[in-house]
N, C-alpha and C. Protein backbone atom coordinates (compact mmCIF):
# COMPACT_ATOMS: atom_id res chain seq x y z
N MET A 1 44.19 17.26 58.05
CA MET A 1 45.11 17.66 59.10
C MET A 1 44.29 18.11 60.30
N SER A 2 43.96 17.15 61.15
CA SER A 2 43.16 17.48 62.31
C SER A 2 43.84 16.98 63.55
N CYS A 3 43.56 17.62 64.65
CA CYS A 3 44.12 17.20 65.93
C CYS A 3 42.94 17.00 66.86
N SER A 4 42.80 15.79 67.37
CA SER A 4 41.63 15.51 68.18
C SER A 4 41.78 16.01 69.61
N GLY A 5 42.98 16.41 69.98
CA GLY A 5 43.17 16.93 71.33
C GLY A 5 43.46 15.83 72.31
N MET A 6 43.02 16.04 73.54
CA MET A 6 43.37 15.14 74.62
C MET A 6 42.20 14.24 74.95
N GLU A 7 42.51 12.99 75.19
CA GLU A 7 41.52 12.04 75.64
C GLU A 7 42.12 11.31 76.83
N THR A 8 41.31 10.93 77.78
CA THR A 8 41.78 10.08 78.85
C THR A 8 41.33 8.67 78.52
N VAL A 9 42.24 7.86 77.99
CA VAL A 9 41.92 6.50 77.58
C VAL A 9 41.68 5.63 78.79
N ASP A 10 42.52 5.73 79.76
CA ASP A 10 42.27 5.15 81.07
C ASP A 10 42.68 6.20 82.07
N GLU A 11 42.61 5.90 83.31
CA GLU A 11 42.81 6.96 84.29
C GLU A 11 44.24 7.47 84.39
N LEU A 12 45.21 6.80 83.78
CA LEU A 12 46.59 7.25 83.88
C LEU A 12 47.24 7.53 82.53
N GLU A 13 46.43 7.66 81.47
CA GLU A 13 46.98 7.88 80.13
C GLU A 13 46.39 9.12 79.49
N LEU A 14 47.26 9.89 78.84
CA LEU A 14 46.85 11.04 78.03
C LEU A 14 47.24 10.74 76.59
N VAL A 15 46.40 11.19 75.65
CA VAL A 15 46.64 10.87 74.24
C VAL A 15 46.41 12.09 73.37
N VAL A 16 47.31 12.29 72.41
CA VAL A 16 47.12 13.26 71.34
C VAL A 16 47.16 12.47 70.04
N GLU A 17 46.21 12.74 69.18
CA GLU A 17 46.14 12.06 67.88
C GLU A 17 46.06 13.10 66.78
N ARG A 18 46.76 12.82 65.67
CA ARG A 18 46.77 13.77 64.57
C ARG A 18 46.96 13.00 63.26
N LEU A 19 46.17 13.35 62.26
CA LEU A 19 46.38 12.82 60.93
C LEU A 19 47.37 13.76 60.24
N MET A 20 48.59 13.27 60.06
CA MET A 20 49.65 14.09 59.49
C MET A 20 49.61 13.98 57.96
N ASP A 21 49.77 15.11 57.32
CA ASP A 21 49.73 15.18 55.87
C ASP A 21 51.12 14.90 55.30
N ALA A 22 51.64 13.70 55.62
CA ALA A 22 52.94 13.25 55.16
C ALA A 22 52.97 11.73 55.29
N PRO A 23 53.69 11.05 54.40
CA PRO A 23 53.78 9.60 54.50
C PRO A 23 54.60 9.18 55.72
N VAL A 24 54.34 7.97 56.19
CA VAL A 24 54.98 7.48 57.41
C VAL A 24 56.51 7.50 57.31
N ALA A 25 57.07 7.24 56.13
CA ALA A 25 58.53 7.27 55.99
C ALA A 25 59.09 8.66 56.30
N ALA A 26 58.38 9.70 55.88
CA ALA A 26 58.83 11.07 56.15
C ALA A 26 58.66 11.42 57.63
N VAL A 27 57.58 10.95 58.25
CA VAL A 27 57.37 11.19 59.69
C VAL A 27 58.49 10.51 60.48
N TRP A 28 58.83 9.29 60.08
CA TRP A 28 59.90 8.55 60.74
C TRP A 28 61.24 9.27 60.57
N LYS A 29 61.55 9.73 59.36
CA LYS A 29 62.81 10.44 59.10
C LYS A 29 62.86 11.75 59.89
N ALA A 30 61.72 12.40 60.04
CA ALA A 30 61.68 13.62 60.84
C ALA A 30 62.06 13.31 62.29
N TYR A 31 61.66 12.13 62.79
CA TYR A 31 62.04 11.74 64.15
C TYR A 31 63.53 11.40 64.21
N THR A 32 63.98 10.55 63.31
CA THR A 32 65.35 10.02 63.41
C THR A 32 66.42 11.04 63.05
N ASP A 33 66.12 11.96 62.12
CA ASP A 33 67.15 12.87 61.62
C ASP A 33 66.91 14.35 61.89
N HIS A 34 65.72 14.71 62.33
CA HIS A 34 65.39 16.14 62.46
C HIS A 34 64.63 16.47 63.75
N LEU A 35 64.82 15.69 64.78
CA LEU A 35 64.07 15.89 66.03
C LEU A 35 64.30 17.28 66.63
N ASN A 36 65.51 17.81 66.49
CA ASN A 36 65.79 19.15 67.03
C ASN A 36 64.86 20.21 66.45
N ASP A 37 64.36 19.99 65.23
CA ASP A 37 63.56 20.99 64.53
C ASP A 37 62.12 21.09 65.04
N TRP A 38 61.63 20.09 65.77
CA TRP A 38 60.20 20.09 66.12
C TRP A 38 59.89 19.68 67.56
N PHE A 39 60.85 19.22 68.32
CA PHE A 39 60.59 18.59 69.61
C PHE A 39 59.99 19.51 70.68
N CYS A 40 60.27 20.79 70.62
CA CYS A 40 59.78 21.74 71.63
C CYS A 40 58.95 22.84 70.99
N PRO A 41 57.87 23.25 71.66
CA PRO A 41 57.18 24.46 71.18
C PRO A 41 58.05 25.69 71.44
N PRO A 42 58.12 26.62 70.48
CA PRO A 42 58.88 27.86 70.70
C PRO A 42 58.31 28.63 71.90
N PRO A 43 59.11 29.34 72.61
CA PRO A 43 60.49 29.72 72.31
C PRO A 43 61.52 28.71 72.80
N TRP A 44 61.09 27.56 73.27
CA TRP A 44 62.02 26.52 73.69
C TRP A 44 62.68 25.91 72.46
N ARG A 45 63.84 25.27 72.68
CA ARG A 45 64.49 24.53 71.61
C ARG A 45 65.03 23.23 72.20
N ALA A 46 65.28 22.26 71.33
CA ALA A 46 65.77 20.95 71.77
C ALA A 46 67.07 20.62 71.08
N GLU A 47 67.85 19.80 71.76
CA GLU A 47 69.10 19.32 71.19
C GLU A 47 69.24 17.84 71.54
N VAL A 48 69.30 17.00 70.50
CA VAL A 48 69.52 15.57 70.71
C VAL A 48 70.97 15.37 71.12
N GLN A 49 71.19 14.73 72.24
CA GLN A 49 72.54 14.42 72.70
C GLN A 49 72.87 12.96 72.39
N VAL A 50 71.88 12.07 72.63
CA VAL A 50 72.06 10.64 72.37
C VAL A 50 70.74 10.09 71.86
N MET A 51 70.80 9.34 70.74
CA MET A 51 69.61 8.66 70.23
C MET A 51 70.04 7.28 69.76
N GLU A 52 69.97 6.31 70.67
CA GLU A 52 70.27 4.92 70.35
C GLU A 52 68.94 4.23 70.10
N LEU A 53 68.43 4.37 68.90
CA LEU A 53 67.06 3.99 68.56
C LEU A 53 66.92 2.48 68.42
N ARG A 54 66.90 1.82 69.59
CA ARG A 54 66.72 0.37 69.69
C ARG A 54 66.25 0.07 71.11
N ALA A 55 65.61 -1.06 71.29
CA ALA A 55 65.18 -1.44 72.64
C ALA A 55 66.40 -1.50 73.55
N GLY A 56 66.33 -0.79 74.68
CA GLY A 56 67.44 -0.72 75.61
C GLY A 56 68.41 0.41 75.33
N GLY A 57 68.24 1.10 74.21
CA GLY A 57 69.13 2.20 73.84
C GLY A 57 68.82 3.47 74.62
N ARG A 58 69.80 4.30 74.77
CA ARG A 58 69.66 5.54 75.52
C ARG A 58 69.01 6.62 74.67
N ALA A 59 68.20 7.43 75.32
CA ALA A 59 67.59 8.61 74.71
C ALA A 59 67.90 9.80 75.61
N LEU A 60 68.59 10.78 75.07
CA LEU A 60 68.87 12.00 75.84
C LEU A 60 68.66 13.20 74.93
N VAL A 61 67.63 13.96 75.26
CA VAL A 61 67.32 15.20 74.56
C VAL A 61 67.27 16.29 75.61
N THR A 62 68.02 17.36 75.40
CA THR A 62 68.02 18.48 76.34
C THR A 62 67.19 19.61 75.75
N MET A 63 66.28 20.14 76.57
CA MET A 63 65.45 21.27 76.16
C MET A 63 66.02 22.53 76.82
N TYR A 64 66.03 23.62 76.03
CA TYR A 64 66.55 24.90 76.50
C TYR A 64 65.44 25.93 76.43
N GLY A 65 65.20 26.62 77.54
CA GLY A 65 64.15 27.61 77.61
C GLY A 65 64.64 29.02 77.36
N PRO A 66 63.71 29.93 77.14
CA PRO A 66 64.06 31.32 76.80
C PRO A 66 64.70 32.09 77.95
N ASP A 67 64.52 31.60 79.18
CA ASP A 67 65.09 32.28 80.34
C ASP A 67 66.28 31.53 80.92
N GLY A 68 66.94 30.74 80.07
CA GLY A 68 68.13 30.01 80.51
C GLY A 68 67.84 28.65 81.11
N GLU A 69 66.60 28.20 81.06
CA GLU A 69 66.26 26.89 81.60
C GLU A 69 66.98 25.80 80.79
N VAL A 70 67.43 24.77 81.49
CA VAL A 70 68.04 23.61 80.86
C VAL A 70 67.36 22.39 81.46
N VAL A 71 66.64 21.63 80.61
CA VAL A 71 65.86 20.49 81.08
C VAL A 71 66.28 19.24 80.30
N PRO A 72 67.14 18.42 80.90
CA PRO A 72 67.52 17.18 80.21
C PRO A 72 66.40 16.15 80.32
N ASN A 73 66.12 15.47 79.23
CA ASN A 73 65.16 14.37 79.20
C ASN A 73 65.98 13.11 78.93
N ASP A 74 66.32 12.43 80.00
CA ASP A 74 67.19 11.27 79.93
C ASP A 74 66.36 10.02 80.15
N GLY A 75 66.53 9.03 79.31
CA GLY A 75 65.78 7.81 79.47
C GLY A 75 66.27 6.73 78.53
N VAL A 76 65.41 5.73 78.32
CA VAL A 76 65.74 4.62 77.43
C VAL A 76 64.55 4.31 76.53
N TYR A 77 64.88 3.73 75.40
CA TYR A 77 63.86 3.19 74.51
C TYR A 77 63.51 1.79 74.99
N LEU A 78 62.24 1.49 75.05
CA LEU A 78 61.78 0.17 75.46
C LEU A 78 61.42 -0.70 74.27
N GLU A 79 60.89 -0.07 73.22
CA GLU A 79 60.50 -0.80 72.02
C GLU A 79 60.64 0.15 70.83
N VAL A 80 61.19 -0.36 69.75
CA VAL A 80 61.31 0.42 68.52
C VAL A 80 60.94 -0.49 67.35
N ILE A 81 59.90 -0.12 66.64
CA ILE A 81 59.49 -0.80 65.42
C ILE A 81 59.54 0.28 64.34
N PRO A 82 60.57 0.22 63.47
CA PRO A 82 60.74 1.29 62.48
C PRO A 82 59.45 1.60 61.71
N GLU A 83 59.16 2.89 61.63
CA GLU A 83 58.02 3.44 60.93
C GLU A 83 56.67 3.01 61.52
N ARG A 84 56.66 2.42 62.72
CA ARG A 84 55.39 2.02 63.34
C ARG A 84 55.24 2.46 64.79
N LYS A 85 56.32 2.32 65.59
CA LYS A 85 56.15 2.55 67.03
C LYS A 85 57.48 2.83 67.71
N ILE A 86 57.44 3.79 68.65
CA ILE A 86 58.57 4.07 69.53
C ILE A 86 58.01 4.16 70.95
N VAL A 87 58.58 3.36 71.86
CA VAL A 87 58.19 3.40 73.26
C VAL A 87 59.42 3.78 74.07
N PHE A 88 59.27 4.77 74.95
CA PHE A 88 60.41 5.26 75.72
C PHE A 88 59.94 5.58 77.13
N THR A 89 60.89 5.68 78.05
CA THR A 89 60.56 6.02 79.43
C THR A 89 61.71 6.77 80.08
N ASP A 90 61.34 7.54 81.09
CA ASP A 90 62.34 8.21 81.92
C ASP A 90 62.52 7.46 83.24
N ALA A 91 61.94 6.26 83.33
CA ALA A 91 62.04 5.46 84.55
C ALA A 91 63.44 4.88 84.73
N PHE A 92 64.20 4.86 83.63
CA PHE A 92 65.57 4.37 83.66
C PHE A 92 66.46 5.32 82.88
N GLN A 93 67.72 5.34 83.28
CA GLN A 93 68.75 6.01 82.51
C GLN A 93 69.66 4.94 81.92
N ALA A 94 70.68 5.33 81.20
CA ALA A 94 71.58 4.38 80.57
C ALA A 94 72.05 3.33 81.58
N GLY A 95 72.21 2.10 81.11
CA GLY A 95 72.66 1.02 81.98
C GLY A 95 71.58 0.53 82.93
N TRP A 96 70.32 0.85 82.62
CA TRP A 96 69.16 0.45 83.44
C TRP A 96 69.25 1.00 84.86
N LYS A 97 69.83 2.16 85.00
CA LYS A 97 69.89 2.85 86.29
C LYS A 97 68.51 3.43 86.59
N PRO A 98 67.86 3.01 87.68
CA PRO A 98 66.53 3.54 87.99
C PRO A 98 66.57 5.05 88.19
N ALA A 99 65.51 5.70 87.72
CA ALA A 99 65.37 7.15 87.86
C ALA A 99 63.97 7.42 88.37
N GLY A 100 63.72 8.63 88.81
CA GLY A 100 62.38 9.00 89.27
C GLY A 100 61.41 8.98 88.10
N PRO A 101 60.57 7.97 87.96
CA PRO A 101 59.74 7.86 86.77
C PRO A 101 58.61 8.88 86.74
N PHE A 102 58.38 9.43 85.56
CA PHE A 102 57.26 10.33 85.32
C PHE A 102 56.26 9.68 84.38
N MET A 103 56.79 9.06 83.30
CA MET A 103 55.87 8.49 82.33
C MET A 103 56.57 7.48 81.43
N VAL A 104 55.74 6.75 80.70
CA VAL A 104 56.14 5.97 79.54
C VAL A 104 55.50 6.68 78.35
N GLY A 105 56.30 7.02 77.35
CA GLY A 105 55.78 7.67 76.16
C GLY A 105 55.70 6.67 75.02
N ILE A 106 54.66 6.80 74.22
CA ILE A 106 54.48 5.92 73.07
C ILE A 106 54.11 6.78 71.87
N PHE A 107 54.89 6.66 70.80
CA PHE A 107 54.57 7.29 69.53
C PHE A 107 54.19 6.17 68.58
N GLU A 108 52.99 6.24 68.02
CA GLU A 108 52.52 5.23 67.08
C GLU A 108 52.25 5.88 65.73
N PHE A 109 52.59 5.17 64.66
CA PHE A 109 52.45 5.68 63.31
C PHE A 109 51.68 4.65 62.48
N GLU A 110 50.56 5.07 61.93
CA GLU A 110 49.73 4.17 61.13
C GLU A 110 49.57 4.77 59.73
N PRO A 111 50.10 4.08 58.71
CA PRO A 111 49.97 4.61 57.35
C PRO A 111 48.50 4.75 56.95
N GLN A 112 48.18 5.86 56.33
CA GLN A 112 46.84 6.13 55.81
C GLN A 112 47.01 6.66 54.39
N GLY A 113 47.38 5.78 53.47
CA GLY A 113 47.71 6.22 52.12
C GLY A 113 48.98 7.05 52.16
N ASP A 114 48.91 8.30 51.67
CA ASP A 114 50.08 9.18 51.69
C ASP A 114 50.10 10.05 52.95
N LYS A 115 49.29 9.69 53.94
CA LYS A 115 49.26 10.41 55.22
C LYS A 115 49.62 9.43 56.33
N THR A 116 49.75 9.95 57.54
CA THR A 116 50.10 9.12 58.70
C THR A 116 49.20 9.48 59.87
N LEU A 117 48.54 8.49 60.43
CA LEU A 117 47.80 8.69 61.67
C LEU A 117 48.82 8.52 62.80
N TYR A 118 49.05 9.61 63.52
CA TYR A 118 50.02 9.64 64.62
C TYR A 118 49.25 9.66 65.94
N ARG A 119 49.70 8.84 66.88
CA ARG A 119 49.18 8.87 68.25
C ARG A 119 50.35 9.03 69.19
N GLY A 120 50.26 10.03 70.07
CA GLY A 120 51.25 10.21 71.12
C GLY A 120 50.57 9.91 72.45
N ARG A 121 51.08 8.92 73.13
CA ARG A 121 50.49 8.50 74.42
C ARG A 121 51.49 8.77 75.55
N ALA A 122 50.98 9.23 76.66
CA ALA A 122 51.79 9.40 77.86
C ALA A 122 51.11 8.63 78.98
N ARG A 123 51.75 7.57 79.43
CA ARG A 123 51.22 6.73 80.51
C ARG A 123 51.99 7.05 81.78
N HIS A 124 51.25 7.30 82.84
CA HIS A 124 51.84 7.75 84.10
C HIS A 124 51.69 6.69 85.18
N TRP A 125 52.60 6.73 86.16
CA TRP A 125 52.55 5.79 87.27
C TRP A 125 51.47 6.17 88.28
N THR A 126 51.22 7.46 88.41
CA THR A 126 50.28 7.92 89.44
C THR A 126 49.32 8.96 88.87
N LYS A 127 48.20 9.13 89.54
CA LYS A 127 47.23 10.16 89.17
C LYS A 127 47.87 11.55 89.34
N ASP A 128 48.70 11.71 90.37
CA ASP A 128 49.37 13.00 90.59
C ASP A 128 50.27 13.36 89.41
N ALA A 129 51.01 12.37 88.89
CA ALA A 129 51.88 12.63 87.74
C ALA A 129 51.05 13.00 86.52
N LEU A 130 49.93 12.30 86.32
CA LEU A 130 49.04 12.62 85.21
C LEU A 130 48.51 14.05 85.34
N GLU A 131 48.06 14.42 86.51
CA GLU A 131 47.54 15.76 86.73
C GLU A 131 48.64 16.82 86.54
N GLN A 132 49.85 16.49 86.98
CA GLN A 132 50.97 17.41 86.79
C GLN A 132 51.22 17.62 85.30
N HIS A 133 51.15 16.54 84.52
CA HIS A 133 51.38 16.63 83.09
C HIS A 133 50.28 17.45 82.41
N LYS A 134 49.04 17.28 82.85
CA LYS A 134 47.93 18.10 82.32
C LYS A 134 48.19 19.57 82.62
N THR A 135 48.59 19.87 83.87
CA THR A 135 48.83 21.24 84.30
C THR A 135 50.00 21.86 83.54
N MET A 136 51.00 21.03 83.21
CA MET A 136 52.15 21.52 82.44
C MET A 136 51.75 21.89 81.01
N GLY A 137 50.56 21.49 80.60
CA GLY A 137 50.09 21.82 79.25
C GLY A 137 50.24 20.69 78.25
N PHE A 138 49.99 19.47 78.69
CA PHE A 138 50.13 18.31 77.81
C PHE A 138 49.42 18.52 76.47
N GLU A 139 48.15 18.83 76.51
CA GLU A 139 47.36 18.91 75.28
C GLU A 139 47.94 19.95 74.32
N ALA A 140 48.16 21.15 74.81
CA ALA A 140 48.70 22.21 73.95
C ALA A 140 50.12 21.89 73.51
N GLY A 141 50.95 21.42 74.43
CA GLY A 141 52.35 21.15 74.13
C GLY A 141 52.54 20.02 73.14
N TRP A 142 51.93 18.86 73.43
CA TRP A 142 52.09 17.72 72.53
C TRP A 142 51.36 17.99 71.21
N GLY A 143 50.28 18.75 71.24
CA GLY A 143 49.58 19.13 70.00
C GLY A 143 50.46 20.01 69.13
N LYS A 144 51.12 21.00 69.73
CA LYS A 144 52.02 21.89 68.99
C LYS A 144 53.21 21.11 68.43
N VAL A 145 53.75 20.22 69.23
CA VAL A 145 54.87 19.39 68.78
C VAL A 145 54.45 18.55 67.58
N ALA A 146 53.25 17.96 67.62
CA ALA A 146 52.75 17.16 66.49
C ALA A 146 52.62 18.03 65.24
N GLU A 147 52.14 19.24 65.42
CA GLU A 147 52.02 20.19 64.29
C GLU A 147 53.40 20.49 63.69
N GLN A 148 54.38 20.76 64.55
CA GLN A 148 55.73 21.06 64.09
C GLN A 148 56.36 19.83 63.43
N TRP A 149 56.13 18.66 64.01
CA TRP A 149 56.65 17.41 63.48
C TRP A 149 56.09 17.18 62.07
N GLU A 150 54.80 17.40 61.93
CA GLU A 150 54.15 17.26 60.62
C GLU A 150 54.78 18.21 59.59
N ALA A 151 55.03 19.45 59.98
CA ALA A 151 55.60 20.43 59.05
C ALA A 151 56.98 19.97 58.57
N VAL A 152 57.80 19.42 59.47
CA VAL A 152 59.11 18.92 59.08
C VAL A 152 58.95 17.71 58.16
N ALA A 153 58.03 16.80 58.49
CA ALA A 153 57.81 15.62 57.66
C ALA A 153 57.32 16.00 56.27
N LYS A 154 56.44 16.99 56.17
CA LYS A 154 55.96 17.46 54.88
C LYS A 154 57.11 18.00 54.04
N ARG A 155 58.02 18.71 54.67
CA ARG A 155 59.18 19.26 53.97
C ARG A 155 60.07 18.13 53.44
N LEU A 156 60.14 17.02 54.18
CA LEU A 156 61.00 15.90 53.80
C LEU A 156 60.36 14.98 52.75
N ALA A 157 59.03 15.01 52.67
CA ALA A 157 58.30 14.09 51.78
C ALA A 157 58.58 14.36 50.31
């Protein structure tokens, strides 16, 4: 159970990688059925509003902060390969309505026996967006989320 932290794969991509101590089926189920339990680092919480887990399907997760913050994450899935890969973006909302893009997110799952090598990638349109994401705490935030995700998957395994 290690977290390699942040790497800059190219100039507009941030990556978090973690070997999760749970089989890929449990990691997948934690995403599809238990996302509210791990999506935000505390004291924030998340609530799935819409999860149409297919290419072109809508993704809407609202995050709630400790001081009354409400942050909707509205977007679409671009690619879904069960138990292997989820690609999503905030560049579009439902019905392919263009939105102010921040990133394309990619979750990759690679079976490693009874464990799962997870990679979370955030690809940005601009260097400014990448720097903003770093400043927002990408490494710590996505690392904590991966840790929480793993804990839920272990419970489900």
